[in-house]
PDB file of all heavy atoms in Angstrom:
ATOM      1  N   SER A   1      68.965  39.675  35.950  1.00  0.00           N
ATOM      2  CA  SER A   1      70.265  39.133  36.354  1.00  0.00           C
ATOM      3  C   SER A   1      70.118  38.147  37.501  1.00  0.00           C
ATOM      4  O   SER A   1      70.757  37.102  37.523  1.00  0.00           O
ATOM      5  CB  SER A   1      71.190  40.270  36.767  1.00  0.00           C
ATOM      6  OG  SER A   1      71.338  41.192  35.723  1.00  0.00           O
ATOM      7  N   ALA A   2      69.267  38.494  38.472  1.00  0.00           N
ATOM      8  CA  ALA A   2      69.069  37.608  39.612  1.00  0.00           C
ATOM      9  C   ALA A   2      68.513  36.260  39.172  1.00  0.00           C
ATOM     10  O   ALA A   2      68.921  35.204  39.661  1.00  0.00           O
ATOM     11  CB  ALA A   2      68.137  38.272  40.625  1.00  0.00           C
ATOM     12  N   ALA A   3      67.571  36.313  38.232  1.00  0.00           N
ATOM     13  CA  ALA A   3      66.999  35.063  37.727  1.00  0.00           C
ATOM     14  C   ALA A   3      68.069  34.226  37.033  1.00  0.00           C
ATOM     15  O   ALA A   3      68.141  33.008  37.195  1.00  0.00           O
ATOM     16  CB  ALA A   3      65.854  35.367  36.766  1.00  0.00           C
ATOM     17  N   SER A   4      68.919  34.899  36.239  1.00  0.00           N
ATOM     18  CA  SER A   4      69.979  34.176  35.551  1.00  0.00           C
ATOM     19  C   SER A   4      70.968  33.577  36.533  1.00  0.00           C
ATOM     20  O   SER A   4      71.424  32.453  36.364  1.00  0.00           O
ATOM     21  CB  SER A   4      70.720  35.135  34.597  1.00  0.00           C
ATOM     22  OG  SER A   4      69.825  35.675  33.651  1.00  0.00           O
ATOM     23  N   LEU A   5      71.290  34.325  37.596  1.00  0.00           N
ATOM     24  CA  LEU A   5      72.227  33.833  38.596  1.00  0.00           C
ATOM     25  C   LEU A   5      71.657  32.619  39.316  1.00  0.00           C
ATOM     26  O   LEU A   5      72.358  31.636  39.577  1.00  0.00           O
ATOM     27  CB  LEU A   5      72.550  34.939  39.600  1.00  0.00           C
ATOM     28  CG  LEU A   5      73.439  36.073  39.086  1.00  0.00           C
ATOM     29  CD1 LEU A   5      73.562  37.151  40.170  1.00  0.00           C
ATOM     30  CD2 LEU A   5      74.810  35.551  38.703  1.00  0.00           C
ATOM     31  N   ALA A   6      70.390  32.713  39.656  1.00  0.00           N
ATOM     32  CA  ALA A   6      69.764  31.596  40.367  1.00  0.00           C
ATOM     33  C   ALA A   6      69.803  30.333  39.522  1.00  0.00           C
ATOM     34  O   ALA A   6      70.091  29.241  40.015  1.00  0.00           O
ATOM     35  CB  ALA A   6      68.317  31.962  40.718  1.00  0.00           C
ATOM     36  N   GLN A   7      69.527  30.491  38.222  1.00  0.00           N
ATOM     37  CA  GLN A   7      69.548  29.331  37.333  1.00  0.00           C
ATOM     38  C   GLN A   7      70.971  28.793  37.196  1.00  0.00           C
ATOM     39  O   GLN A   7      71.206  27.590  37.208  1.00  0.00           O
ATOM     40  CB  GLN A   7      69.011  29.723  35.948  1.00  0.00           C
ATOM     41  CG  GLN A   7      68.909  28.553  34.978  1.00  0.00           C
ATOM     42  CD  GLN A   7      68.293  28.974  33.658  1.00  0.00           C
ATOM     43  OE1 GLN A   7      68.038  30.149  33.431  1.00  0.00           O
ATOM     44  NE2 GLN A   7      68.040  28.011  32.798  1.00  0.00           N
ATOM     45  N   ALA A   8      71.943  29.704  37.098  1.00  0.00           N
ATOM     46  CA  ALA A   8      73.331  29.278  36.930  1.00  0.00           C
ATOM     47  C   ALA A   8      73.835  28.545  38.155  1.00  0.00           C
ATOM     48  O   ALA A   8      74.579  27.559  38.033  1.00  0.00           O
ATOM     49  CB  ALA A   8      74.209  30.495  36.642  1.00  0.00           C
ATOM     50  N   GLU A   9      73.428  28.999  39.339  1.00  0.00           N
ATOM     51  CA  GLU A   9      73.937  28.401  40.564  1.00  0.00           C
ATOM     52  C   GLU A   9      73.417  26.992  40.777  1.00  0.00           C
ATOM     53  O   GLU A   9      73.972  26.230  41.548  1.00  0.00           O
ATOM     54  CB  GLU A   9      73.573  29.290  41.750  1.00  0.00           C
ATOM     55  CG  GLU A   9      74.414  30.571  41.786  1.00  0.00           C
ATOM     56  CD  GLU A   9      73.959  31.526  42.867  1.00  0.00           C
ATOM     57  OE1 GLU A   9      72.893  31.253  43.471  1.00  0.00           O
ATOM     58  OE2 GLU A   9      74.639  32.536  43.091  1.00  0.00           O
ATOM     59  N   GLU A  10      72.327  26.625  40.073  1.00  0.00           N
ATOM     60  CA  GLU A  10      71.817  25.266  40.188  1.00  0.00           C
ATOM     61  C   GLU A  10      72.737  24.278  39.494  1.00  0.00           C
ATOM     62  O   GLU A  10      72.786  23.106  39.831  1.00  0.00           O
ATOM     63  CB  GLU A  10      70.418  25.194  39.557  1.00  0.00           C
ATOM     64  CG  GLU A  10      69.363  25.948  40.365  1.00  0.00           C
ATOM     65  CD  GLU A  10      68.009  25.880  39.687  1.00  0.00           C
ATOM     66  OE1 GLU A  10      67.925  25.251  38.606  1.00  0.00           O
ATOM     67  OE2 GLU A  10      67.040  26.439  40.230  1.00  0.00           O
ATOM     68  N   THR A  11      73.481  24.776  38.479  1.00  0.00           N
ATOM     69  CA  THR A  11      74.281  23.854  37.682  1.00  0.00           C
ATOM     70  C   THR A  11      75.781  23.991  37.930  1.00  0.00           C
ATOM     71  O   THR A  11      76.522  23.037  37.741  1.00  0.00           O
ATOM     72  CB  THR A  11      74.000  24.097  36.189  1.00  0.00           C
ATOM     73  OG1 THR A  11      74.274  25.477  35.890  1.00  0.00           O
ATOM     74  CG2 THR A  11      72.541  23.791  35.872  1.00  0.00           C
ATOM     75  N   THR A  12      76.211  25.208  38.311  1.00  0.00           N
ATOM     76  CA  THR A  12      77.639  25.400  38.505  1.00  0.00           C
ATOM     77  C   THR A  12      77.882  26.382  39.637  1.00  0.00           C
ATOM     78  O   THR A  12      77.183  27.379  39.749  1.00  0.00           O
ATOM     79  CB  THR A  12      78.301  25.906  37.204  1.00  0.00           C
ATOM     80  OG1 THR A  12      79.691  26.109  37.459  1.00  0.00           O
ATOM     81  CG2 THR A  12      77.683  27.219  36.738  1.00  0.00           C
ATOM     82  N   ALA A  13      78.857  26.094  40.457  1.00  0.00           N
ATOM     83  CA  ALA A  13      79.171  26.987  41.569  1.00  0.00           C
ATOM     84  C   ALA A  13      80.096  28.094  41.075  1.00  0.00           C
ATOM     85  O   ALA A  13      80.973  27.855  40.241  1.00  0.00           O
ATOM     86  CB  ALA A  13      79.856  26.197  42.688  1.00  0.00           C
ATOM     87  N   PRO A  14      79.940  29.302  41.545  1.00  0.00           N
ATOM     88  CA  PRO A  14      80.829  30.395  41.129  1.00  0.00           C
ATOM     89  C   PRO A  14      82.234  30.169  41.653  1.00  0.00           C
ATOM     90  O   PRO A  14      82.451  29.510  42.666  1.00  0.00           O
ATOM     91  CB  PRO A  14      80.181  31.632  41.765  1.00  0.00           C
ATOM     92  CG  PRO A  14      79.427  31.097  42.950  1.00  0.00           C
ATOM     93  CD  PRO A  14      78.933  29.743  42.527  1.00  0.00           C
ATOM     94  N   ASP A  15      83.199  30.759  40.925  1.00  0.00           N
ATOM     95  CA  ASP A  15      84.590  30.644  41.338  1.00  0.00           C
ATOM     96  C   ASP A  15      84.841  31.425  42.618  1.00  0.00           C
ATOM     97  O   ASP A  15      85.748  31.102  43.381  1.00  0.00           O
ATOM     98  CB  ASP A  15      85.516  31.147  40.234  1.00  0.00           C
ATOM     99  CG  ASP A  15      85.450  30.270  38.993  1.00  0.00           C
ATOM    100  OD1 ASP A  15      85.139  29.067  39.150  1.00  0.00           O
ATOM    101  OD2 ASP A  15      85.714  30.782  37.895  1.00  0.00           O
ATOM    102  N   TYR A  16      84.054  32.474  42.853  1.00  0.00           N
ATOM    103  CA  TYR A  16      84.209  33.267  44.056  1.00  0.00           C
ATOM    104  C   TYR A  16      82.857  33.858  44.409  1.00  0.00           C
ATOM    105  O   TYR A  16      81.921  33.842  43.620  1.00  0.00           O
ATOM    106  CB  TYR A  16      85.261  34.368  43.864  1.00  0.00           C
ATOM    107  CG  TYR A  16      85.071  35.197  42.613  1.00  0.00           C
ATOM    108  CD1 TYR A  16      84.197  36.285  42.612  1.00  0.00           C
ATOM    109  CD2 TYR A  16      85.757  34.892  41.439  1.00  0.00           C
ATOM    110  CE1 TYR A  16      84.010  37.042  41.464  1.00  0.00           C
ATOM    111  CE2 TYR A  16      85.575  35.644  40.299  1.00  0.00           C
ATOM    112  CZ  TYR A  16      84.704  36.719  40.306  1.00  0.00           C
ATOM    113  OH  TYR A  16      84.515  37.454  39.183  1.00  0.00           O
ATOM    114  N   THR A  17      82.764  34.406  45.582  1.00  0.00           N
ATOM    115  CA  THR A  17      81.492  34.915  46.061  1.00  0.00           C
ATOM    116  C   THR A  17      81.292  36.369  45.635  1.00  0.00           C
ATOM    117  O   THR A  17      82.225  37.037  45.167  1.00  0.00           O
ATOM    118  CB  THR A  17      81.439  34.834  47.592  1.00  0.00           C
ATOM    119  OG1 THR A  17      82.404  35.743  48.140  1.00  0.00           O
ATOM    120  CG2 THR A  17      81.728  33.411  48.064  1.00  0.00           C
ATOM    121  N   LEU A  18      80.089  36.863  45.844  1.00  0.00           N
ATOM    122  CA  LEU A  18      79.793  38.261  45.561  1.00  0.00           C
ATOM    123  C   LEU A  18      80.650  39.178  46.428  1.00  0.00           C
ATOM    124  O   LEU A  18      81.120  40.223  45.972  1.00  0.00           O
ATOM    125  CB  LEU A  18      78.303  38.535  45.799  1.00  0.00           C
ATOM    126  CG  LEU A  18      77.844  39.982  45.581  1.00  0.00           C
ATOM    127  CD1 LEU A  18      78.142  40.432  44.157  1.00  0.00           C
ATOM    128  CD2 LEU A  18      76.354  40.125  45.893  1.00  0.00           C
ATOM    129  N   LEU A  19      80.884  38.753  47.670  1.00  0.00           N
ATOM    130  CA  LEU A  19      81.736  39.552  48.553  1.00  0.00           C
ATOM    131  C   LEU A  19      83.152  39.649  47.993  1.00  0.00           C
ATOM    132  O   LEU A  19      83.791  40.708  48.042  1.00  0.00           O
ATOM    133  CB  LEU A  19      81.760  38.938  49.956  1.00  0.00           C
ATOM    134  CG  LEU A  19      82.576  39.705  51.009  1.00  0.00           C
ATOM    135  CD1 LEU A  19      82.042  41.129  51.172  1.00  0.00           C
ATOM    136  CD2 LEU A  19      82.547  38.955  52.332  1.00  0.00           C
ATOM    137  N   ASP A  20      83.642  38.531  47.433  1.00  0.00           N
ATOM    138  CA  ASP A  20      84.963  38.560  46.801  1.00  0.00           C
ATOM    139  C   ASP A  20      84.979  39.535  45.618  1.00  0.00           C
ATOM    140  O   ASP A  20      85.964  40.252  45.401  1.00  0.00           O
ATOM    141  CB  ASP A  20      85.359  37.169  46.303  1.00  0.00           C
ATOM    142  CG  ASP A  20      85.613  36.198  47.438  1.00  0.00           C
ATOM    143  OD1 ASP A  20      86.026  36.669  48.522  1.00  0.00           O
ATOM    144  OD2 ASP A  20      85.388  34.992  47.251  1.00  0.00           O
ATOM    145  N   ALA A  21      83.900  39.546  44.845  1.00  0.00           N
ATOM    146  CA  ALA A  21      83.818  40.442  43.685  1.00  0.00           C
ATOM    147  C   ALA A  21      83.837  41.899  44.127  1.00  0.00           C
ATOM    148  O   ALA A  21      84.447  42.748  43.476  1.00  0.00           O
ATOM    149  CB  ALA A  21      82.548  40.151  42.886  1.00  0.00           C
ATOM    150  N   ILE A  22      83.171  42.183  45.245  1.00  0.00           N
ATOM    151  CA  ILE A  22      83.175  43.557  45.765  1.00  0.00           C
ATOM    152  C   ILE A  22      84.579  43.941  46.216  1.00  0.00           C
ATOM    153  O   ILE A  22      85.084  45.024  45.891  1.00  0.00           O
ATOM    154  CB  ILE A  22      82.172  43.689  46.927  1.00  0.00           C
ATOM    155  CG1 ILE A  22      80.740  43.487  46.414  1.00  0.00           C
ATOM    156  CG2 ILE A  22      82.314  45.053  47.588  1.00  0.00           C
ATOM    157  CD1 ILE A  22      79.702  43.426  47.505  1.00  0.00           C
ATOM    158  N   LYS A  23      85.232  43.040  46.947  1.00  0.00           N
ATOM    159  CA  LYS A  23      86.570  43.334  47.447  1.00  0.00           C
ATOM    160  C   LYS A  23      87.581  43.509  46.311  1.00  0.00           C
ATOM    161  O   LYS A  23      88.526  44.300  46.406  1.00  0.00           O
ATOM    162  CB  LYS A  23      87.044  42.210  48.371  1.00  0.00           C
ATOM    163  CG  LYS A  23      86.299  42.129  49.696  1.00  0.00           C
ATOM    164  CD  LYS A  23      86.823  40.967  50.527  1.00  0.00           C
ATOM    165  CE  LYS A  23      86.121  40.873  51.873  1.00  0.00           C
ATOM    166  NZ  LYS A  23      86.614  39.716  52.664  1.00  0.00           N
ATOM    167  N   ALA A  24      87.395  42.760  45.235  1.00  0.00           N
ATOM    168  CA  ALA A  24      88.339  42.799  44.106  1.00  0.00           C
ATOM    169  C   ALA A  24      88.020  43.922  43.129  1.00  0.00           C
ATOM    170  O   ALA A  24      88.674  44.039  42.085  1.00  0.00           O
ATOM    171  CB  ALA A  24      88.329  41.457  43.375  1.00  0.00           C
TER     172      ALA A  24
END
């Protein structure tokens, strides 16, 4: 998952942060 996230973040920014996901 970490590898996939790293690759994804190179091309597109997430709509919210991991901290937001935890809070929600």
